[in-house]
All heavy atoms as atom14 arrays in JSON, in Angstrom:
{
  "sequence": "RQAPGKERELVAVISSGGNEIYGDPVKGRFITSRDNAKS",
  "atom14_mask": [
    [1, 1, 1, 1, 1, 1, 1, 1, 1, 1, 1, 0, 0, 0],
    [1, 1, 1, 1, 1, 1, 1, 1, 1, 0, 0, 0, 0, 0],
    [1, 1, 1, 1, 1, 0, 0, 0, 0, 0, 0, 0, 0, 0],
    [1, 1, 1, 1, 1, 1, 1, 0, 0, 0, 0, 0, 0, 0],
    [1, 1, 1, 1, 0, 0, 0, 0, 0, 0, 0, 0, 0, 0],
    [1, 1, 1, 1, 1, 1, 1, 1, 1, 0, 0, 0, 0, 0],
    [1, 1, 1, 1, 1, 1, 1, 1, 1, 0, 0, 0, 0, 0],
    [1, 1, 1, 1, 1, 1, 1, 1, 1, 1, 1, 0, 0, 0],
    [1, 1, 1, 1, 1, 1, 1, 1, 1, 0, 0, 0, 0, 0],
    [1, 1, 1, 1, 1, 1, 1, 1, 0, 0, 0, 0, 0, 0],
    [1, 1, 1, 1, 1, 1, 1, 0, 0, 0, 0, 0, 0, 0],
    [1, 1, 1, 1, 1, 0, 0, 0, 0, 0, 0, 0, 0, 0],
    [1, 1, 1, 1, 1, 1, 1, 0, 0, 0, 0, 0, 0, 0],
    [1, 1, 1, 1, 1, 1, 1, 1, 0, 0, 0, 0, 0, 0],
    [1, 1, 1, 1, 1, 1, 0, 0, 0, 0, 0, 0, 0, 0],
    [1, 1, 1, 1, 1, 1, 0, 0, 0, 0, 0, 0, 0, 0],
    [1, 1, 1, 1, 0, 0, 0, 0, 0, 0, 0, 0, 0, 0],
    [1, 1, 1, 1, 0, 0, 0, 0, 0, 0, 0, 0, 0, 0],
    [1, 1, 1, 1, 1, 1, 1, 1, 0, 0, 0, 0, 0, 0],
    [1, 1, 1, 1, 1, 1, 1, 1, 1, 0, 0, 0, 0, 0],
    [1, 1, 1, 1, 1, 1, 1, 1, 0, 0, 0, 0, 0, 0],
    [1, 1, 1, 1, 1, 1, 1, 1, 1, 1, 1, 1, 0, 0],
    [1, 1, 1, 1, 0, 0, 0, 0, 0, 0, 0, 0, 0, 0],
    [1, 1, 1, 1, 1, 1, 1, 1, 0, 0, 0, 0, 0, 0],
    [1, 1, 1, 1, 1, 1, 1, 0, 0, 0, 0, 0, 0, 0],
    [1, 1, 1, 1, 1, 1, 1, 0, 0, 0, 0, 0, 0, 0],
    [1, 1, 1, 1, 1, 1, 1, 1, 1, 0, 0, 0, 0, 0],
    [1, 1, 1, 1, 0, 0, 0, 0, 0, 0, 0, 0, 0, 0],
    [1, 1, 1, 1, 1, 1, 1, 1, 1, 1, 1, 0, 0, 0],
    [1, 1, 1, 1, 1, 1, 1, 1, 1, 1, 1, 0, 0, 0],
    [1, 1, 1, 1, 1, 1, 1, 1, 0, 0, 0, 0, 0, 0],
    [1, 1, 1, 1, 1, 1, 1, 0, 0, 0, 0, 0, 0, 0],
    [1, 1, 1, 1, 1, 1, 0, 0, 0, 0, 0, 0, 0, 0],
    [1, 1, 1, 1, 1, 1, 1, 1, 1, 1, 1, 0, 0, 0],
    [1, 1, 1, 1, 1, 1, 1, 1, 0, 0, 0, 0, 0, 0],
    [1, 1, 1, 1, 1, 1, 1, 1, 0, 0, 0, 0, 0, 0],
    [1, 1, 1, 1, 1, 0, 0, 0, 0, 0, 0, 0, 0, 0],
    [1, 1, 1, 1, 1, 1, 1, 1, 1, 0, 0, 0, 0, 0],
    [1, 1, 1, 1, 1, 1, 0, 0, 0, 0, 0, 0, 0, 0]
  ],
  "atom14_positions": [
    [[-16.17, -1.02, -5.7], [-16.9, -1.48, -6.88], [-18.38, -1.57, -6.54], [-18.76, -1.73, -5.38], [-16.38, -2.82, -7.37], [-16.66, -3.99, -6.45], [-16.02, -5.26, -6.98], [-16.28, -6.4, -6.12], [-15.73, -7.61, -6.29], [-14.87, -7.8, -7.29], [-16.03, -8.59, -5.47], [0.0, 0.0, 0.0], [0.0, 0.0, 0.0], [0.0, 0.0, 0.0]],
    [[-19.18, -1.49, -7.6], [-20.62, -1.61, -7.43], [-21.16, -2.48, -8.55], [-21.08, -2.13, -9.73], [-21.3, -0.25, -7.44], [-22.77, -0.3, -7.08], [-23.32, 1.04, -6.73], [-22.77, 2.09, -7.06], [-24.46, 1.06, -6.03], [0.0, 0.0, 0.0], [0.0, 0.0, 0.0], [0.0, 0.0, 0.0], [0.0, 0.0, 0.0], [0.0, 0.0, 0.0]],
    [[-21.7, -3.63, -8.14], [-22.32, -4.54, -9.09], [-23.77, -4.11, -9.32], [-24.37, -3.45, -8.46], [-22.26, -5.96, -8.55], [0.0, 0.0, 0.0], [0.0, 0.0, 0.0], [0.0, 0.0, 0.0], [0.0, 0.0, 0.0], [0.0, 0.0, 0.0], [0.0, 0.0, 0.0], [0.0, 0.0, 0.0], [0.0, 0.0, 0.0], [0.0, 0.0, 0.0]],
    [[-24.34, -4.5, -10.46], [-25.74, -4.13, -10.74], [-26.67, -4.59, -9.62], [-26.63, -5.75, -9.21], [-26.03, -4.87, -12.04], [-24.7, -5.05, -12.68], [-23.73, -5.24, -11.57], [0.0, 0.0, 0.0], [0.0, 0.0, 0.0], [0.0, 0.0, 0.0], [0.0, 0.0, 0.0], [0.0, 0.0, 0.0], [0.0, 0.0, 0.0], [0.0, 0.0, 0.0]],
    [[-27.45, -3.66, -9.1], [-28.42, -4.0, -8.08], [-27.86, -4.2, -6.68], [-28.6, -4.61, -5.77], [0.0, 0.0, 0.0], [0.0, 0.0, 0.0], [0.0, 0.0, 0.0], [0.0, 0.0, 0.0], [0.0, 0.0, 0.0], [0.0, 0.0, 0.0], [0.0, 0.0, 0.0], [0.0, 0.0, 0.0], [0.0, 0.0, 0.0], [0.0, 0.0, 0.0]],
    [[-26.58, -3.92, -6.51], [-25.95, -4.12, -5.2], [-25.35, -2.83, -4.69], [-25.15, -1.87, -5.43], [-24.87, -5.21, -5.29], [-25.41, -6.58, -5.62], [-24.34, -7.64, -5.47], [-24.9, -9.02, -5.71], [-23.87, -10.08, -5.55], [0.0, 0.0, 0.0], [0.0, 0.0, 0.0], [0.0, 0.0, 0.0], [0.0, 0.0, 0.0], [0.0, 0.0, 0.0]],
    [[-25.03, -2.82, -3.39], [-24.4, -1.65, -2.8], [-22.91, -1.6, -3.18], [-22.3, -2.62, -3.49], [-24.54, -1.7, -1.27], [-25.97, -1.54, -0.79], [-26.06, -1.43, 0.72], [-25.03, -1.58, 1.4], [-27.18, -1.2, 1.22], [0.0, 0.0, 0.0], [0.0, 0.0, 0.0], [0.0, 0.0, 0.0], [0.0, 0.0, 0.0], [0.0, 0.0, 0.0]],
    [[-22.38, -0.4, -3.11], [-20.96, -0.23, -3.37], [-20.16, -0.92, -2.26], [-20.51, -0.78, -1.08], [-20.62, 1.26, -3.42], [-19.33, 1.6, -4.08], [-19.21, 3.09, -4.35], [-20.17, 3.56, -5.33], [-20.14, 4.77, -5.86], [-19.2, 5.64, -5.49], [-21.05, 5.12, -6.74], [0.0, 0.0, 0.0], [0.0, 0.0, 0.0], [0.0, 0.0, 0.0]],
    [[-19.1, -1.65, -2.63], [-18.3, -2.35, -1.64], [-16.82, -2.01, -1.79], [-16.34, -1.76, -2.9], [-18.48, -3.87, -1.74], [-17.96, -4.5, -3.01], [-17.99, -6.03, -2.97], [-18.2, -6.61, -1.89], [-17.78, -6.64, -4.04], [0.0, 0.0, 0.0], [0.0, 0.0, 0.0], [0.0, 0.0, 0.0], [0.0, 0.0, 0.0], [0.0, 0.0, 0.0]],
    [[-16.14, -2.05, -0.66], [-14.7, -1.77, -0.65], [-13.93, -2.94, -1.24], [-14.14, -4.09, -0.84], [-14.25, -1.49, 0.79], [-12.78, -1.18, 0.98], [-12.4, 0.12, 0.3], [-12.44, -1.12, 2.47], [0.0, 0.0, 0.0], [0.0, 0.0, 0.0], [0.0, 0.0, 0.0], [0.0, 0.0, 0.0], [0.0, 0.0, 0.0], [0.0, 0.0, 0.0]],
    [[-13.05, -2.64, -2.17], [-12.23, -3.67, -2.8], [-10.83, -3.69, -2.18], [-10.32, -4.75, -1.82], [-12.12, -3.42, -4.31], [-11.14, -4.4, -4.96], [-13.49, -3.52, -4.96], [0.0, 0.0, 0.0], [0.0, 0.0, 0.0], [0.0, 0.0, 0.0], [0.0, 0.0, 0.0], [0.0, 0.0, 0.0], [0.0, 0.0, 0.0], [0.0, 0.0, 0.0]],
    [[-10.2, -2.52, -2.09], [-8.82, -2.46, -1.61], [-8.5, -1.07, -1.1], [-9.1, -0.09, -1.54], [-7.84, -2.84, -2.72], [0.0, 0.0, 0.0], [0.0, 0.0, 0.0], [0.0, 0.0, 0.0], [0.0, 0.0, 0.0], [0.0, 0.0, 0.0], [0.0, 0.0, 0.0], [0.0, 0.0, 0.0], [0.0, 0.0, 0.0], [0.0, 0.0, 0.0]],
    [[-7.56, -1.04, -0.18], [-7.03, 0.22, 0.36], [-5.51, 0.16, 0.27], [-4.91, -0.88, 0.54], [-7.42, 0.41, 1.84], [-6.91, 1.75, 2.36], [-8.91, 0.27, 2.03], [0.0, 0.0, 0.0], [0.0, 0.0, 0.0], [0.0, 0.0, 0.0], [0.0, 0.0, 0.0], [0.0, 0.0, 0.0], [0.0, 0.0, 0.0], [0.0, 0.0, 0.0]],
    [[-4.9, 1.27, -0.11], [-3.45, 1.38, -0.03], [-3.13, 2.66, 0.72], [-3.62, 3.74, 0.36], [-2.77, 1.31, -1.41], [-1.24, 1.34, -1.25], [-3.27, 2.4, -2.35], [-0.5, 0.92, -2.52], [0.0, 0.0, 0.0], [0.0, 0.0, 0.0], [0.0, 0.0, 0.0], [0.0, 0.0, 0.0], [0.0, 0.0, 0.0], [0.0, 0.0, 0.0]],
    [[-2.34, 2.52, 1.77], [-2.02, 3.67, 2.59], [-0.99, 4.56, 1.9], [-0.37, 4.17, 0.9], [-1.48, 3.21, 3.94], [-0.18, 2.69, 3.8], [0.0, 0.0, 0.0], [0.0, 0.0, 0.0], [0.0, 0.0, 0.0], [0.0, 0.0, 0.0], [0.0, 0.0, 0.0], [0.0, 0.0, 0.0], [0.0, 0.0, 0.0], [0.0, 0.0, 0.0]],
    [[-0.8, 5.74, 2.45], [0.22, 6.64, 1.91], [1.6, 5.99, 1.97], [2.46, 6.28, 1.14], [0.21, 7.96, 2.67], [0.44, 7.75, 4.05], [0.0, 0.0, 0.0], [0.0, 0.0, 0.0], [0.0, 0.0, 0.0], [0.0, 0.0, 0.0], [0.0, 0.0, 0.0], [0.0, 0.0, 0.0], [0.0, 0.0, 0.0], [0.0, 0.0, 0.0]],
    [[1.79, 5.09, 2.9], [3.07, 4.4, 3.04], [3.17, 3.12, 2.24], [4.2, 2.44, 2.28], [0.0, 0.0, 0.0], [0.0, 0.0, 0.0], [0.0, 0.0, 0.0], [0.0, 0.0, 0.0], [0.0, 0.0, 0.0], [0.0, 0.0, 0.0], [0.0, 0.0, 0.0], [0.0, 0.0, 0.0], [0.0, 0.0, 0.0], [0.0, 0.0, 0.0]],
    [[2.09, 2.78, 1.52], [2.14, 1.61, 0.65], [1.59, 0.33, 1.25], [1.65, -0.73, 0.63], [0.0, 0.0, 0.0], [0.0, 0.0, 0.0], [0.0, 0.0, 0.0], [0.0, 0.0, 0.0], [0.0, 0.0, 0.0], [0.0, 0.0, 0.0], [0.0, 0.0, 0.0], [0.0, 0.0, 0.0], [0.0, 0.0, 0.0], [0.0, 0.0, 0.0]],
    [[1.03, 0.4, 2.47], [0.42, -0.81, 3.05], [-0.93, -1.08, 2.38], [-1.68, -0.15, 2.1], [0.24, -0.62, 4.55], [1.58, -0.49, 5.26], [2.5, -1.27, 5.01], [1.7, 0.48, 6.15], [0.0, 0.0, 0.0], [0.0, 0.0, 0.0], [0.0, 0.0, 0.0], [0.0, 0.0, 0.0], [0.0, 0.0, 0.0], [0.0, 0.0, 0.0]],
    [[-1.22, -2.36, 2.17], [-2.41, -2.75, 1.41], [-3.36, -3.57, 2.27], [-2.93, -4.41, 3.07], [-1.99, -3.59, 0.2], [-1.02, -2.9, -0.74], [-0.15, -3.9, -1.49], [-0.71, -4.92, -1.94], [1.06, -3.67, -1.62], [0.0, 0.0, 0.0], [0.0, 0.0, 0.0], [0.0, 0.0, 0.0], [0.0, 0.0, 0.0], [0.0, 0.0, 0.0]],
    [[-4.64, -3.35, 2.05], [-5.69, -4.14, 2.68], [-6.69, -4.49, 1.58], [-7.0, -3.65, 0.73], [-6.41, -3.36, 3.79], [-5.42, -2.98, 4.9], [-7.56, -4.16, 4.37], [-6.01, -2.07, 5.96], [0.0, 0.0, 0.0], [0.0, 0.0, 0.0], [0.0, 0.0, 0.0], [0.0, 0.0, 0.0], [0.0, 0.0, 0.0], [0.0, 0.0, 0.0]],
    [[-7.2, -5.74, 1.6], [-8.12, -6.2, 0.56], [-9.4, -6.75, 1.17], [-9.4, -7.34, 2.25], [-7.45, -7.3, -0.28], [-6.25, -6.8, -1.02], [-4.97, -6.92, -0.47], [-6.38, -6.17, -2.26], [-3.85, -6.44, -1.14], [-5.27, -5.68, -2.93], [-4.01, -5.81, -2.36], [-2.92, -5.33, -3.02], [0.0, 0.0, 0.0], [0.0, 0.0, 0.0]],
    [[-10.47, -6.57, 0.42], [-11.71, -7.2, 0.81], [-11.62, -8.7, 0.6], [-10.89, -9.17, -0.29], [0.0, 0.0, 0.0], [0.0, 0.0, 0.0], [0.0, 0.0, 0.0], [0.0, 0.0, 0.0], [0.0, 0.0, 0.0], [0.0, 0.0, 0.0], [0.0, 0.0, 0.0], [0.0, 0.0, 0.0], [0.0, 0.0, 0.0], [0.0, 0.0, 0.0]],
    [[-12.35, -9.46, 1.39], [-12.26, -10.92, 1.32], [-12.52, -11.49, -0.07], [-11.84, -12.43, -0.49], [-13.23, -11.55, 2.33], [-12.73, -11.42, 3.76], [-11.53, -11.15, 3.96], [-13.55, -11.6, 4.69], [0.0, 0.0, 0.0], [0.0, 0.0, 0.0], [0.0, 0.0, 0.0], [0.0, 0.0, 0.0], [0.0, 0.0, 0.0], [0.0, 0.0, 0.0]],
    [[-13.5, -10.96, -0.83], [-13.78, -11.56, -2.15], [-12.61, -11.47, -3.14], [-12.6, -12.22, -4.12], [-14.98, -10.76, -2.65], [-15.62, -10.21, -1.43], [-14.49, -9.92, -0.51], [0.0, 0.0, 0.0], [0.0, 0.0, 0.0], [0.0, 0.0, 0.0], [0.0, 0.0, 0.0], [0.0, 0.0, 0.0], [0.0, 0.0, 0.0], [0.0, 0.0, 0.0]],
    [[-11.66, -10.57, -2.92], [-10.6, -10.37, -3.91], [-9.21, -10.74, -3.39], [-8.24, -10.67, -4.15], [-10.59, -8.92, -4.44], [-11.98, -8.51, -4.93], [-10.08, -7.94, -3.4], [0.0, 0.0, 0.0], [0.0, 0.0, 0.0], [0.0, 0.0, 0.0], [0.0, 0.0, 0.0], [0.0, 0.0, 0.0], [0.0, 0.0, 0.0], [0.0, 0.0, 0.0]],
    [[-9.13, -11.14, -2.15], [-7.82, -11.49, -1.57], [-7.15, -12.58, -2.38], [-7.79, -13.57, -2.74], [-7.99, -11.95, -0.12], [-8.13, -10.82, 0.87], [-8.27, -11.36, 2.29], [-8.46, -10.23, 3.28], [-8.7, -10.73, 4.66], [0.0, 0.0, 0.0], [0.0, 0.0, 0.0], [0.0, 0.0, 0.0], [0.0, 0.0, 0.0], [0.0, 0.0, 0.0]],
    [[-5.88, -12.38, -2.67], [-5.11, -13.36, -3.41], [-5.25, -13.26, -4.92], [-4.55, -13.95, -5.67], [0.0, 0.0, 0.0], [0.0, 0.0, 0.0], [0.0, 0.0, 0.0], [0.0, 0.0, 0.0], [0.0, 0.0, 0.0], [0.0, 0.0, 0.0], [0.0, 0.0, 0.0], [0.0, 0.0, 0.0], [0.0, 0.0, 0.0], [0.0, 0.0, 0.0]],
    [[-6.18, -12.39, -5.39], [-6.38, -12.24, -6.84], [-6.09, -10.82, -7.31], [-5.66, -10.63, -8.45], [-7.82, -12.6, -7.2], [-8.21, -14.03, -6.86], [-9.59, -14.38, -7.42], [-10.65, -13.57, -6.83], [-11.47, -12.81, -7.53], [-11.37, -12.72, -8.84], [-12.42, -12.09, -6.92], [0.0, 0.0, 0.0], [0.0, 0.0, 0.0], [0.0, 0.0, 0.0]],
    [[-6.38, -9.84, -6.49], [-6.2, -8.43, -6.87], [-5.01, -7.86, -6.12], [-4.73, -8.22, -4.97], [-7.43, -7.6, -6.51], [-8.65, -7.87, -7.35], [-8.75, -8.96, -8.19], [-9.73, -7.0, -7.27], [-9.89, -9.19, -8.94], [-10.88, -7.21, -8.02], [-10.96, -8.31, -8.84], [0.0, 0.0, 0.0], [0.0, 0.0, 0.0], [0.0, 0.0, 0.0]],
    [[-4.32, -6.93, -6.78], [-3.2, -6.22, -6.16], [-3.34, -4.73, -6.48], [-3.47, -4.35, -7.66], [-1.84, -6.72, -6.69], [-1.67, -8.21, -6.4], [-0.7, -5.93, -6.06], [-0.47, -8.83, -7.07], [0.0, 0.0, 0.0], [0.0, 0.0, 0.0], [0.0, 0.0, 0.0], [0.0, 0.0, 0.0], [0.0, 0.0, 0.0], [0.0, 0.0, 0.0]],
    [[-3.3, -3.91, -5.44], [-3.32, -2.47, -5.67], [-1.93, -1.91, -5.46], [-1.14, -2.43, -4.65], [-4.34, -1.77, -4.75], [-4.46, -0.4, -5.13], [-3.95, -1.86, -3.29], [0.0, 0.0, 0.0], [0.0, 0.0, 0.0], [0.0, 0.0, 0.0], [0.0, 0.0, 0.0], [0.0, 0.0, 0.0], [0.0, 0.0, 0.0], [0.0, 0.0, 0.0]],
    [[-1.61, -0.87, -6.2], [-0.31, -0.22, -6.08], [-0.48, 1.25, -6.41], [-1.55, 1.69, -6.87], [0.72, -0.88, -6.99], [0.32, -0.79, -8.35], [0.0, 0.0, 0.0], [0.0, 0.0, 0.0], [0.0, 0.0, 0.0], [0.0, 0.0, 0.0], [0.0, 0.0, 0.0], [0.0, 0.0, 0.0], [0.0, 0.0, 0.0], [0.0, 0.0, 0.0]],
    [[0.57, 1.99, -6.18], [0.51, 3.43, -6.46], [1.84, 3.92, -6.98], [2.9, 3.41, -6.58], [0.1, 4.2, -5.21], [1.06, 4.08, -4.04], [0.42, 4.61, -2.74], [0.09, 6.03, -2.86], [-0.82, 6.63, -2.09], [-1.48, 5.96, -1.16], [-1.06, 7.93, -2.26], [0.0, 0.0, 0.0], [0.0, 0.0, 0.0], [0.0, 0.0, 0.0]],
    [[1.79, 4.91, -7.85], [2.99, 5.57, -8.35], [2.84, 7.04, -7.95], [2.13, 7.8, -8.61], [3.1, 5.42, -9.87], [4.39, 5.99, -10.42], [4.97, 6.92, -9.81], [4.82, 5.55, -11.49], [0.0, 0.0, 0.0], [0.0, 0.0, 0.0], [0.0, 0.0, 0.0], [0.0, 0.0, 0.0], [0.0, 0.0, 0.0], [0.0, 0.0, 0.0]],
    [[3.49, 7.42, -6.87], [3.33, 8.77, -6.36], [3.9, 9.82, -7.31], [3.4, 10.94, -7.37], [3.97, 8.9, -4.98], [3.21, 8.14, -3.91], [1.99, 7.92, -4.02], [3.9, 7.72, -2.86], [0.0, 0.0, 0.0], [0.0, 0.0, 0.0], [0.0, 0.0, 0.0], [0.0, 0.0, 0.0], [0.0, 0.0, 0.0], [0.0, 0.0, 0.0]],
    [[4.94, 9.44, -8.06], [5.52, 10.4, -9.01], [4.53, 10.74, -10.12], [4.57, 11.85, -10.66], [6.8, 9.83, -9.6], [0.0, 0.0, 0.0], [0.0, 0.0, 0.0], [0.0, 0.0, 0.0], [0.0, 0.0, 0.0], [0.0, 0.0, 0.0], [0.0, 0.0, 0.0], [0.0, 0.0, 0.0], [0.0, 0.0, 0.0], [0.0, 0.0, 0.0]],
    [[3.64, 9.79, -10.43], [2.65, 10.01, -11.48], [1.27, 10.31, -10.92], [0.32, 10.48, -11.69], [2.57, 8.77, -12.38], [3.84, 8.49, -13.17], [3.65, 7.27, -14.08], [4.91, 7.01, -14.89], [4.75, 5.82, -15.79], [0.0, 0.0, 0.0], [0.0, 0.0, 0.0], [0.0, 0.0, 0.0], [0.0, 0.0, 0.0], [0.0, 0.0, 0.0]],
    [[1.16, 10.35, -9.59], [-0.16, 10.56, -8.96], [-1.2, 9.6, -9.52], [-2.32, 10.0, -9.88], [-0.63, 12.02, -9.12], [0.24, 12.91, -8.45], [0.0, 0.0, 0.0], [0.0, 0.0, 0.0], [0.0, 0.0, 0.0], [0.0, 0.0, 0.0], [0.0, 0.0, 0.0], [0.0, 0.0, 0.0], [0.0, 0.0, 0.0], [0.0, 0.0, 0.0]]
  ]
}
């Protein structure tokens, strides 16, 4: 994400195997997921 006037920052990563990593500002509030059948 990129807020006005700020640098782009990493929010979340999801691996090909479904493992998730979150940036500190969003931990516990955001959840990333993927549907490989729907890309």
